[in-house]
């Protein structure tokens, strides 16, 4: 996937652009990003915000190593499928975007 494809997928599936990054929010605080995709020139990183407010990189990969899942379309290779809690958070954000 390219940077543009990854960004388009995120925005299409309920992620919001916060501070220039596609981000997921907590259901109760829709303006506070808790997970974000940092899309750089050659790599994409997934970062989680710690309670202290500092961002911690949990996964990353070059765009060439990221491919959409054939069944769900979720990008594989950057930890969105394997990291616990992301699926639920993505579903909550998608629901909020559709029904909010």
PDB file of N, CA and C in Angstrom:
ATOM      1  N   UNK A   1       0.844  -1.183   0.000  1.00  0.00           N
ATOM      2  CA  UNK A   1       0.000   0.000   0.000  1.00  0.00           C
ATOM      3  C   UNK A   1       0.887   1.242   0.000  1.00  0.00           C
ATOM      4  N   UNK A   2       0.380   2.290  -0.573  1.00  0.00           N
ATOM      5  CA  UNK A   2       1.098   3.559  -0.558  1.00  0.00           C
ATOM      6  C   UNK A   2       0.603   4.403   0.617  1.00  0.00           C
ATOM      7  N   UNK A   3       1.290   5.493   0.848  1.00  0.00           N
ATOM      8  CA  UNK A   3       0.905   6.434   1.902  1.00  0.00           C
ATOM      9  C   UNK A   3      -0.523   6.935   1.671  1.00  0.00           C
ATOM     10  N   UNK A   4      -0.845   7.268   0.429  1.00  0.00           N
ATOM     11  CA  UNK A   4      -2.166   7.788   0.093  1.00  0.00           C
ATOM     12  C   UNK A   4      -3.247   6.722   0.273  1.00  0.00           C
ATOM     13  N   UNK A   5      -2.959   5.487  -0.136  1.00  0.00           N
ATOM     14  CA  UNK A   5      -3.925   4.399   0.020  1.00  0.00           C
ATOM     15  C   UNK A   5      -4.189   4.102   1.494  1.00  0.00           C
ATOM     16  N   UNK A   6      -3.143   4.112   2.300  1.00  0.00           N
ATOM     17  CA  UNK A   6      -3.276   3.849   3.730  1.00  0.00           C
ATOM     18  C   UNK A   6      -4.087   4.959   4.396  1.00  0.00           C
ATOM     19  N   UNK A   7      -3.805   6.190   4.040  1.00  0.00           N
ATOM     20  CA  UNK A   7      -4.547   7.323   4.588  1.00  0.00           C
ATOM     21  C   UNK A   7      -6.010   7.273   4.166  1.00  0.00           C
ATOM     22  N   UNK A   8      -6.273   6.974   2.912  1.00  0.00           N
ATOM     23  CA  UNK A   8      -7.652   6.881   2.414  1.00  0.00           C
ATOM     24  C   UNK A   8      -8.406   5.753   3.112  1.00  0.00           C
ATOM     25  N   UNK A   9      -7.759   4.603   3.298  1.00  0.00           N
ATOM     26  CA  UNK A   9      -8.391   3.489   4.003  1.00  0.00           C
ATOM     27  C   UNK A   9      -8.772   3.920   5.416  1.00  0.00           C
ATOM     28  N   UNK A  10      -7.842   4.575   6.126  1.00  0.00           N
ATOM     29  CA  UNK A  10      -8.090   4.982   7.508  1.00  0.00           C
ATOM     30  C   UNK A  10      -9.281   5.936   7.590  1.00  0.00           C
ATOM     31  N   UNK A  11      -9.305   6.947   6.766  1.00  0.00           N
ATOM     32  CA  UNK A  11     -10.390   7.931   6.814  1.00  0.00           C
ATOM     33  C   UNK A  11     -11.726   7.317   6.388  1.00  0.00           C
ATOM     34  N   UNK A  12     -11.696   6.359   5.503  1.00  0.00           N
ATOM     35  CA  UNK A  12     -12.904   5.687   5.035  1.00  0.00           C
ATOM     36  C   UNK A  12     -13.480   4.757   6.107  1.00  0.00           C
ATOM     37  N   UNK A  13     -12.646   4.282   7.015  1.00  0.00           N
ATOM     38  CA  UNK A  13     -13.087   3.307   8.017  1.00  0.00           C
ATOM     39  C   UNK A  13     -13.242   3.889   9.417  1.00  0.00           C
ATOM     40  N   UNK A  14     -13.412   5.195   9.523  1.00  0.00           N
ATOM     41  CA  UNK A  14     -13.742   5.791  10.813  1.00  0.00           C
ATOM     42  C   UNK A  14     -12.621   6.505  11.541  1.00  0.00           C
ATOM     43  N   UNK A  15     -11.406   6.467  11.027  1.00  0.00           N
ATOM     44  CA  UNK A  15     -10.325   7.212  11.643  1.00  0.00           C
ATOM     45  C   UNK A  15     -10.559   8.691  11.359  1.00  0.00           C
ATOM     46  N   UNK A  16     -10.047   9.551  12.227  1.00  0.00           N
ATOM     47  CA  UNK A  16     -10.167  10.994  12.050  1.00  0.00           C
ATOM     48  C   UNK A  16      -8.778  11.594  11.926  1.00  0.00           C
ATOM     49  N   UNK A  17      -8.670  12.692  11.194  1.00  0.00           N
ATOM     50  CA  UNK A  17      -7.394  13.397  11.131  1.00  0.00           C
ATOM     51  C   UNK A  17      -7.316  14.342  12.320  1.00  0.00           C
ATOM     52  N   UNK A  18      -6.364  14.080  13.199  1.00  0.00           N
ATOM     53  CA  UNK A  18      -6.123  14.919  14.373  1.00  0.00           C
ATOM     54  C   UNK A  18      -4.637  15.252  14.380  1.00  0.00           C
ATOM     55  N   UNK A  19      -4.324  16.532  14.417  1.00  0.00           N
ATOM     56  CA  UNK A  19      -2.935  17.006  14.384  1.00  0.00           C
ATOM     57  C   UNK A  19      -2.172  16.474  13.174  1.00  0.00           C
ATOM     58  N   UNK A  20      -2.871  16.320  12.051  1.00  0.00           N
ATOM     59  CA  UNK A  20      -2.228  15.904  10.810  1.00  0.00           C
ATOM     60  C   UNK A  20      -2.014  14.418  10.634  1.00  0.00           C
ATOM     61  N   UNK A  21      -2.533  13.589  11.559  1.00  0.00           N
ATOM     62  CA  UNK A  21      -2.349  12.136  11.477  1.00  0.00           C
ATOM     63  C   UNK A  21      -3.698  11.435  11.554  1.00  0.00           C
ATOM     64  N   UNK A  22      -3.910  10.373  10.766  1.00  0.00           N
ATOM     65  CA  UNK A  22      -5.114   9.564  10.960  1.00  0.00           C
ATOM     66  C   UNK A  22      -5.066   8.984  12.373  1.00  0.00           C
ATOM     67  N   UNK A  23      -6.147   9.186  13.127  1.00  0.00           N
ATOM     68  CA  UNK A  23      -6.137   8.824  14.539  1.00  0.00           C
ATOM     69  C   UNK A  23      -7.428   8.148  14.969  1.00  0.00           C
ATOM     70  N   UNK A  24      -7.316   7.326  16.015  1.00  0.00           N
ATOM     71  CA  UNK A  24      -8.464   6.719  16.677  1.00  0.00           C
ATOM     72  C   UNK A  24      -8.627   7.408  18.021  1.00  0.00           C
ATOM     73  N   UNK A  25      -9.877   7.575  18.445  1.00  0.00           N
ATOM     74  CA  UNK A  25     -10.152   8.252  19.707  1.00  0.00           C
ATOM     75  C   UNK A  25     -10.867   7.312  20.662  1.00  0.00           C
ATOM     76  N   UNK A  26     -10.905   7.720  21.915  1.00  0.00           N
ATOM     77  CA  UNK A  26     -11.691   6.986  22.900  1.00  0.00           C
ATOM     78  C   UNK A  26     -13.155   7.313  22.649  1.00  0.00           C
ATOM     79  N   UNK A  27     -14.044   6.351  22.882  1.00  0.00           N
ATOM     80  CA  UNK A  27     -15.466   6.619  22.642  1.00  0.00           C
ATOM     81  C   UNK A  27     -15.998   7.805  23.449  1.00  0.00           C
ATOM     82  N   UNK A  28     -15.540   7.991  24.660  1.00  0.00           N
ATOM     83  CA  UNK A  28     -16.021   9.078  25.501  1.00  0.00           C
ATOM     84  C   UNK A  28     -15.343  10.409  25.257  1.00  0.00           C
ATOM     85  N   UNK A  29     -14.216  10.415  24.557  1.00  0.00           N
ATOM     86  CA  UNK A  29     -13.470  11.644  24.291  1.00  0.00           C
ATOM     87  C   UNK A  29     -13.122  11.706  22.803  1.00  0.00           C
ATOM     88  N   UNK A  30     -14.074  12.109  21.971  1.00  0.00           N
ATOM     89  CA  UNK A  30     -13.862  12.055  20.523  1.00  0.00           C
ATOM     90  C   UNK A  30     -12.837  13.049  19.970  1.00  0.00           C
ATOM     91  N   UNK A  31     -12.307  13.932  20.803  1.00  0.00           N
ATOM     92  CA  UNK A  31     -11.312  14.880  20.311  1.00  0.00           C
ATOM     93  C   UNK A  31      -9.890  14.517  20.757  1.00  0.00           C
ATOM     94  N   UNK A  32      -9.767  13.499  21.627  1.00  0.00           N
ATOM     95  CA  UNK A  32      -8.466  13.064  22.127  1.00  0.00           C
ATOM     96  C   UNK A  32      -8.004  11.811  21.400  1.00  0.00           C
ATOM     97  N   UNK A  33      -6.955  11.927  20.613  1.00  0.00           N
ATOM     98  CA  UNK A  33      -6.403  10.764  19.910  1.00  0.00           C
ATOM     99  C   UNK A  33      -5.692   9.860  20.903  1.00  0.00           C
ATOM    100  N   UNK A  34      -5.906   8.555  20.760  1.00  0.00           N
ATOM    101  CA  UNK A  34      -5.215   7.585  21.607  1.00  0.00           C
ATOM    102  C   UNK A  34      -4.298   6.691  20.769  1.00  0.00           C
ATOM    103  N   UNK A  35      -4.637   6.511  19.487  1.00  0.00           N
ATOM    104  CA  UNK A  35      -3.822   5.752  18.541  1.00  0.00           C
ATOM    105  C   UNK A  35      -3.705   6.600  17.280  1.00  0.00           C
ATOM    106  N   UNK A  36      -2.509   6.627  16.691  1.00  0.00           N
ATOM    107  CA  UNK A  36      -2.367   7.371  15.438  1.00  0.00           C
ATOM    108  C   UNK A  36      -1.449   6.635  14.478  1.00  0.00           C
ATOM    109  N   UNK A  37      -1.668   6.911  13.197  1.00  0.00           N
ATOM    110  CA  UNK A  37      -0.794   6.418  12.134  1.00  0.00           C
ATOM    111  C   UNK A  37       0.111   7.572  11.740  1.00  0.00           C
ATOM    112  N   UNK A  38       1.397   7.374  11.874  1.00  0.00           N
ATOM    113  CA  UNK A  38       2.358   8.384  11.443  1.00  0.00           C
ATOM    114  C   UNK A  38       2.878   7.929  10.087  1.00  0.00           C
ATOM    115  N   UNK A  39       2.452   8.636   9.054  1.00  0.00           N
ATOM    116  CA  UNK A  39       2.784   8.259   7.684  1.00  0.00           C
ATOM    117  C   UNK A  39       3.949   9.112   7.206  1.00  0.00           C
ATOM    118  N   UNK A  40       5.122   8.512   7.203  1.00  0.00           N
ATOM    119  CA  UNK A  40       6.326   9.204   6.768  1.00  0.00           C
ATOM    120  C   UNK A  40       6.578   8.925   5.296  1.00  0.00           C
ATOM    121  N   UNK A  41       7.689   9.375   4.780  1.00  0.00           N
ATOM    122  CA  UNK A  41       7.987   9.222   3.364  1.00  0.00           C
ATOM    123  C   UNK A  41       8.094   7.763   2.940  1.00  0.00           C
ATOM    124  N   UNK A  42       8.778   6.949   3.716  1.00  0.00           N
ATOM    125  CA  UNK A  42       9.001   5.560   3.314  1.00  0.00           C
ATOM    126  C   UNK A  42       8.394   4.525   4.257  1.00  0.00           C
ATOM    127  N   UNK A  43       7.955   4.939   5.450  1.00  0.00           N
ATOM    128  CA  UNK A  43       7.416   3.999   6.435  1.00  0.00           C
ATOM    129  C   UNK A  43       6.139   4.530   7.072  1.00  0.00           C
ATOM    130  N   UNK A  44       5.350   3.596   7.582  1.00  0.00           N
ATOM    131  CA  UNK A  44       4.163   3.928   8.361  1.00  0.00           C
ATOM    132  C   UNK A  44       4.362   3.357   9.758  1.00  0.00           C
ATOM    133  N   UNK A  45       4.103   4.175  10.775  1.00  0.00           N
ATOM    134  CA  UNK A  45       4.239   3.742  12.154  1.00  0.00           C
ATOM    135  C   UNK A  45       2.897   3.861  12.868  1.00  0.00           C
ATOM    136  N   UNK A  46       2.630   2.922  13.765  1.00  0.00           N
ATOM    137  CA  UNK A  46       1.459   2.988  14.631  1.00  0.00           C
ATOM    138  C   UNK A  46       1.970   3.386  16.003  1.00  0.00           C
ATOM    139  N   UNK A  47       1.383   4.448  16.556  1.00  0.00           N
ATOM    140  CA  UNK A  47       1.793   4.944  17.863  1.00  0.00           C
ATOM    141  C   UNK A  47       0.593   4.987  18.791  1.00  0.00           C
ATOM    142  N   UNK A  48       0.847   4.706  20.075  1.00  0.00           N
ATOM    143  CA  UNK A  48      -0.179   4.758  21.118  1.00  0.00           C
ATOM    144  C   UNK A  48       0.249   5.820  22.125  1.00  0.00           C
ATOM    145  N   UNK A  49      -0.722   6.605  22.559  1.00  0.00           N
ATOM    146  CA  UNK A  49      -0.408   7.639  23.547  1.00  0.00           C
ATOM    147  C   UNK A  49      -0.475   7.058  24.947  1.00  0.00           C
ATOM    148  N   UNK A  50       0.600   7.244  25.687  1.00  0.00           N
ATOM    149  CA  UNK A  50       0.670   6.788  27.066  1.00  0.00           C
ATOM    150  C   UNK A  50      -0.123   7.751  27.949  1.00  0.00           C
ATOM    151  N   UNK A  51      -0.468   7.335  29.169  1.00  0.00           N
ATOM    152  CA  UNK A  51      -1.181   8.236  30.074  1.00  0.00           C
ATOM    153  C   UNK A  51      -0.427   9.550  30.349  1.00  0.00           C
ATOM    154  N   UNK A  52       0.884   9.523  30.236  1.00  0.00           N
ATOM    155  CA  UNK A  52       1.667  10.742  30.454  1.00  0.00           C
ATOM    156  C   UNK A  52       1.550  11.727  29.297  1.00  0.00           C
ATOM    157  N   UNK A  53       0.957  11.274  28.178  1.00  0.00           N
ATOM    158  CA  UNK A  53       0.798  12.128  27.014  1.00  0.00           C
ATOM    159  C   UNK A  53       1.854  11.908  25.948  1.00  0.00           C
ATOM    160  N   UNK A  54       2.864  11.104  26.243  1.00  0.00           N
ATOM    161  CA  UNK A  54       3.932  10.815  25.288  1.00  0.00           C
ATOM    162  C   UNK A  54       3.482   9.712  24.326  1.00  0.00           C
ATOM    163  N   UNK A  55       3.854   9.866  23.041  1.00  0.00           N
ATOM    164  CA  UNK A  55       3.516   8.864  22.031  1.00  0.00           C
ATOM    165  C   UNK A  55       4.584   7.778  22.000  1.00  0.00           C
ATOM    166  N   UNK A  56       4.144   6.519  21.968  1.00  0.00           N
ATOM    167  CA  UNK A  56       5.033   5.365  21.966  1.00  0.00           C
ATOM    168  C   UNK A  56       4.788   4.545  20.701  1.00  0.00           C
ATOM    169  N   UNK A  57       5.825   4.372  19.890  1.00  0.00           N
ATOM    170  CA  UNK A  57       5.712   3.582  18.661  1.00  0.00           C
ATOM    171  C   UNK A  57       5.576   2.105  19.035  1.00  0.00           C
ATOM    172  N   UNK A  58       4.527   1.455  18.520  1.00  0.00           N
ATOM    173  CA  UNK A  58       4.315   0.038  18.808  1.00  0.00           C
ATOM    174  C   UNK A  58       4.541  -0.849  17.597  1.00  0.00           C
ATOM    175  N   UNK A  59       4.466  -0.282  16.400  1.00  0.00           N
ATOM    176  CA  UNK A  59       4.685  -1.065  15.185  1.00  0.00           C
ATOM    177  C   UNK A  59       4.994  -0.123  14.040  1.00  0.00           C
ATOM    178  N   UNK A  60       5.643  -0.669  13.033  1.00  0.00           N
ATOM    179  CA  UNK A  60       5.949   0.119  11.851  1.00  0.00           C
ATOM    180  C   UNK A  60       6.475  -0.778  10.747  1.00  0.00           C
ATOM    181  N   UNK A  61       6.317  -0.299   9.521  1.00  0.00           N
ATOM    182  CA  UNK A  61       6.798  -1.072   8.372  1.00  0.00           C
ATOM    183  C   UNK A  61       6.904  -0.151   7.171  1.00  0.00           C
ATOM    184  N   UNK A  62       7.729  -0.565   6.230  1.00  0.00           N
ATOM    185  CA  UNK A  62       7.818   0.144   4.955  1.00  0.00           C
ATOM    186  C   UNK A  62       6.520  -0.089   4.188  1.00  0.00           C
ATOM    187  N   UNK A  63       6.146   0.859   3.367  1.00  0.00           N
ATOM    188  CA  UNK A  63       4.891   0.747   2.622  1.00  0.00           C
ATOM    189  C   UNK A  63       4.842  -0.518   1.766  1.00  0.00           C
ATOM    190  N   UNK A  64       5.957  -0.958   1.244  1.00  0.00           N
ATOM    191  CA  UNK A  64       5.994  -2.165   0.429  1.00  0.00           C
ATOM    192  C   UNK A  64       5.644  -3.427   1.202  1.00  0.00           C
ATOM    193  N   UNK A  65       5.797  -3.400   2.524  1.00  0.00           N
ATOM    194  CA  UNK A  65       5.501  -4.563   3.360  1.00  0.00           C
ATOM    195  C   UNK A  65       4.066  -4.547   3.884  1.00  0.00           C
ATOM    196  N   UNK A  66       3.316  -3.509   3.575  1.00  0.00           N
ATOM    197  CA  UNK A  66       1.941  -3.381   4.052  1.00  0.00           C
ATOM    198  C   UNK A  66       0.992  -3.747   2.916  1.00  0.00           C
ATOM    199  N   UNK A  67       0.086  -4.672   3.200  1.00  0.00           N
ATOM    200  CA  UNK A  67      -0.890  -5.110   2.188  1.00  0.00           C
ATOM    201  C   UNK A  67      -2.251  -5.265   2.851  1.00  0.00           C
ATOM    202  N   UNK A  68      -3.314  -4.938   2.129  1.00  0.00           N
ATOM    203  CA  UNK A  68      -4.646  -5.107   2.712  1.00  0.00           C
ATOM    204  C   UNK A  68      -5.018  -6.581   2.836  1.00  0.00           C
ATOM    205  N   UNK A  69      -5.696  -6.921   3.912  1.00  0.00           N
ATOM    206  CA  UNK A  69      -6.194  -8.271   4.101  1.00  0.00           C
ATOM    207  C   UNK A  69      -7.228  -8.545   3.008  1.00  0.00           C
ATOM    208  N   UNK A  70      -7.151  -9.698   2.336  1.00  0.00           N
ATOM    209  CA  UNK A  70      -8.082  -9.964   1.236  1.00  0.00           C
ATOM    210  C   UNK A  70      -9.545 -10.033   1.679  1.00  0.00           C
ATOM    211  N   UNK A  71      -9.803 -10.406   2.931  1.00  0.00           N
ATOM    212  CA  UNK A  71     -11.182 -10.533   3.407  1.00  0.00           C
ATOM    213  C   UNK A  71     -11.733  -9.245   4.015  1.00  0.00           C
ATOM    214  N   UNK A  72     -10.936  -8.597   4.876  1.00  0.00           N
ATOM    215  CA  UNK A  72     -11.426  -7.435   5.619  1.00  0.00           C
ATOM    216  C   UNK A  72     -10.949  -6.110   5.066  1.00  0.00           C
ATOM    217  N   UNK A  73      -9.839  -6.100   4.351  1.00  0.00           N
ATOM    218  CA  UNK A  73      -9.279  -4.856   3.842  1.00  0.00           C
ATOM    219  C   UNK A  73      -8.381  -4.142   4.826  1.00  0.00           C
ATOM    220  N   UNK A  74      -8.293  -4.640   6.056  1.00  0.00           N
ATOM    221  CA  UNK A  74      -7.432  -4.029   7.075  1.00  0.00           C
ATOM    222  C   UNK A  74      -5.972  -4.242   6.685  1.00  0.00           C
ATOM    223  N   UNK A  75      -5.166  -3.190   6.690  1.00  0.00           N
ATOM    224  CA  UNK A  75      -3.756  -3.334   6.323  1.00  0.00           C
ATOM    225  C   UNK A  75      -3.006  -4.280   7.263  1.00  0.00           C
ATOM    226  N   UNK A  76      -2.316  -5.232   6.683  1.00  0.00           N
ATOM    227  CA  UNK A  76      -1.480  -6.160   7.457  1.00  0.00           C
ATOM    228  C   UNK A  76      -0.031  -5.718   7.350  1.00  0.00           C
ATOM    229  N   UNK A  77       0.697  -5.926   8.433  1.00  0.00           N
ATOM    230  CA  UNK A  77       2.115  -5.608   8.422  1.00  0.00           C
ATOM    231  C   UNK A  77       2.498  -4.468   9.336  1.00  0.00           C
ATOM    232  N   UNK A  78       1.492  -3.755   9.893  1.00  0.00           N
ATOM    233  CA  UNK A  78       1.822  -2.649  10.808  1.00  0.00           C
ATOM    234  C   UNK A  78       1.191  -2.833  12.184  1.00  0.00           C
ATOM    235  N   UNK A  79       0.715  -4.023  12.496  1.00  0.00           N
ATOM    236  CA  UNK A  79       0.240  -4.320  13.834  1.00  0.00           C
ATOM    237  C   UNK A  79      -1.223  -4.041  14.107  1.00  0.00           C
ATOM    238  N   UNK A  80      -1.985  -3.599  13.125  1.00  0.00           N
ATOM    239  CA  UNK A  80      -3.396  -3.308  13.376  1.00  0.00           C
ATOM    240  C   UNK A  80      -4.213  -4.567  13.618  1.00  0.00           C
ATOM    241  N   UNK A  81      -3.791  -5.687  13.062  1.00  0.00           N
ATOM    242  CA  UNK A  81      -4.517  -6.943  13.223  1.00  0.00           C
ATOM    243  C   UNK A  81      -4.039  -7.684  14.464  1.00  0.00           C
ATOM    244  N   UNK A  82      -2.746  -7.642  14.737  1.00  0.00           N
ATOM    245  CA  UNK A  82      -2.180  -8.459  15.812  1.00  0.00           C
ATOM    246  C   UNK A  82      -2.175  -7.791  17.185  1.00  0.00           C
ATOM    247  N   UNK A  83      -2.314  -6.488  17.261  1.00  0.00           N
ATOM    248  CA  UNK A  83      -2.258  -5.801  18.550  1.00  0.00           C
ATOM    249  C   UNK A  83      -3.624  -5.850  19.226  1.00  0.00           C
ATOM    250  N   UNK A  84      -3.639  -6.296  20.468  1.00  0.00           N
ATOM    251  CA  UNK A  84      -4.872  -6.451  21.224  1.00  0.00           C
ATOM    252  C   UNK A  84      -5.586  -5.108  21.400  1.00  0.00           C
ATOM    253  N   UNK A  85      -6.866  -5.106  21.170  1.00  0.00           N
ATOM    254  CA  UNK A  85      -7.684  -3.925  21.404  1.00  0.00           C
ATOM    255  C   UNK A  85      -7.906  -3.034  20.198  1.00  0.00           C
ATOM    256  N   UNK A  86      -7.064  -3.136  19.171  1.00  0.00           N
ATOM    257  CA  UNK A  86      -7.224  -2.268  17.996  1.00  0.00           C
ATOM    258  C   UNK A  86      -8.523  -2.556  17.254  1.00  0.00           C
ATOM    259  N   UNK A  87      -8.885  -3.824  17.124  1.00  0.00           N
ATOM    260  CA  UNK A  87     -10.097  -4.173  16.383  1.00  0.00           C
ATOM    261  C   UNK A  87     -11.320  -3.543  17.046  1.00  0.00           C
ATOM    262  N   UNK A  88     -11.412  -3.626  18.350  1.00  0.00           N
ATOM    263  CA  UNK A  88     -12.547  -3.043  19.088  1.00  0.00           C
ATOM    264  C   UNK A  88     -12.533  -1.521  18.970  1.00  0.00           C
ATOM    265  N   UNK A  89     -11.376  -0.911  19.121  1.00  0.00           N
ATOM    266  CA  UNK A  89     -11.267   0.542  19.023  1.00  0.00           C
ATOM    267  C   UNK A  89     -11.620   1.021  17.616  1.00  0.00           C
ATOM    268  N   UNK A  90     -11.155   0.298  16.594  1.00  0.00           N
ATOM    269  CA  UNK A  90     -11.495   0.670  15.222  1.00  0.00           C
ATOM    270  C   UNK A  90     -13.005   0.533  14.988  1.00  0.00           C
ATOM    271  N   UNK A  91     -13.627  -0.524  15.537  1.00  0.00           N
ATOM    272  CA  UNK A  91     -15.072  -0.709  15.387  1.00  0.00           C
ATOM    273  C   UNK A  91     -15.840   0.408  16.091  1.00  0.00           C
ATOM    274  N   UNK A  92     -15.406   0.785  17.304  1.00  0.00           N
ATOM    275  CA  UNK A  92     -16.061   1.873  18.030  1.00  0.00           C
ATOM    276  C   UNK A  92     -15.982   3.178  17.256  1.00  0.00           C
ATOM    277  N   UNK A  93     -14.820   3.475  16.668  1.00  0.00           N
ATOM    278  CA  UNK A  93     -14.654   4.698  15.892  1.00  0.00           C
ATOM    279  C   UNK A  93     -15.463   4.662  14.599  1.00  0.00           C
ATOM    280  N   UNK A  94     -15.531   3.502  13.965  1.00  0.00           N
ATOM    281  CA  UNK A  94     -16.315   3.350  12.742  1.00  0.00           C
ATOM    282  C   UNK A  94     -17.800   3.554  13.051  1.00  0.00           C
ATOM    283  N   UNK A  95     -18.274   2.963  14.160  1.00  0.00           N
ATOM    284  CA  UNK A  95     -19.665   3.134  14.559  1.00  0.00           C
ATOM    285  C   UNK A  95     -19.980   4.591  14.868  1.00  0.00           C
ATOM    286  N   UNK A  96     -19.073   5.267  15.561  1.00  0.00           N
ATOM    287  CA  UNK A  96     -19.275   6.678  15.903  1.00  0.00           C
ATOM    288  C   UNK A  96     -19.344   7.536  14.649  1.00  0.00           C
ATOM    289  N   UNK A  97     -18.544   7.202  13.645  1.00  0.00           N
ATOM    290  CA  UNK A  97     -18.556   7.965  12.396  1.00  0.00           C
ATOM    291  C   UNK A  97     -19.859   7.750  11.626  1.00  0.00           C
ATOM    292  N   UNK A  98     -20.382   6.529  11.673  1.00  0.00           N
ATOM    293  CA  UNK A  98     -21.602   6.213  10.936  1.00  0.00           C
ATOM    294  C   UNK A  98     -22.852   6.717  11.676  1.00  0.00           C
ATOM    295  N   UNK A  99     -22.894   6.474  12.979  1.00  0.00           N
ATOM    296  CA  UNK A  99     -24.106   6.793  13.743  1.00  0.00           C
ATOM    297  C   UNK A  99     -24.021   8.107  14.512  1.00  0.00           C
ATOM    298  N   UNK A 100     -22.832   8.723  14.553  1.00  0.00           N
ATOM    299  CA  UNK A 100     -22.636   9.947  15.334  1.00  0.00           C
ATOM    300  C   UNK A 100     -23.214  11.097  14.640  1.00  0.00           C
TER     301      UNK A 100
END
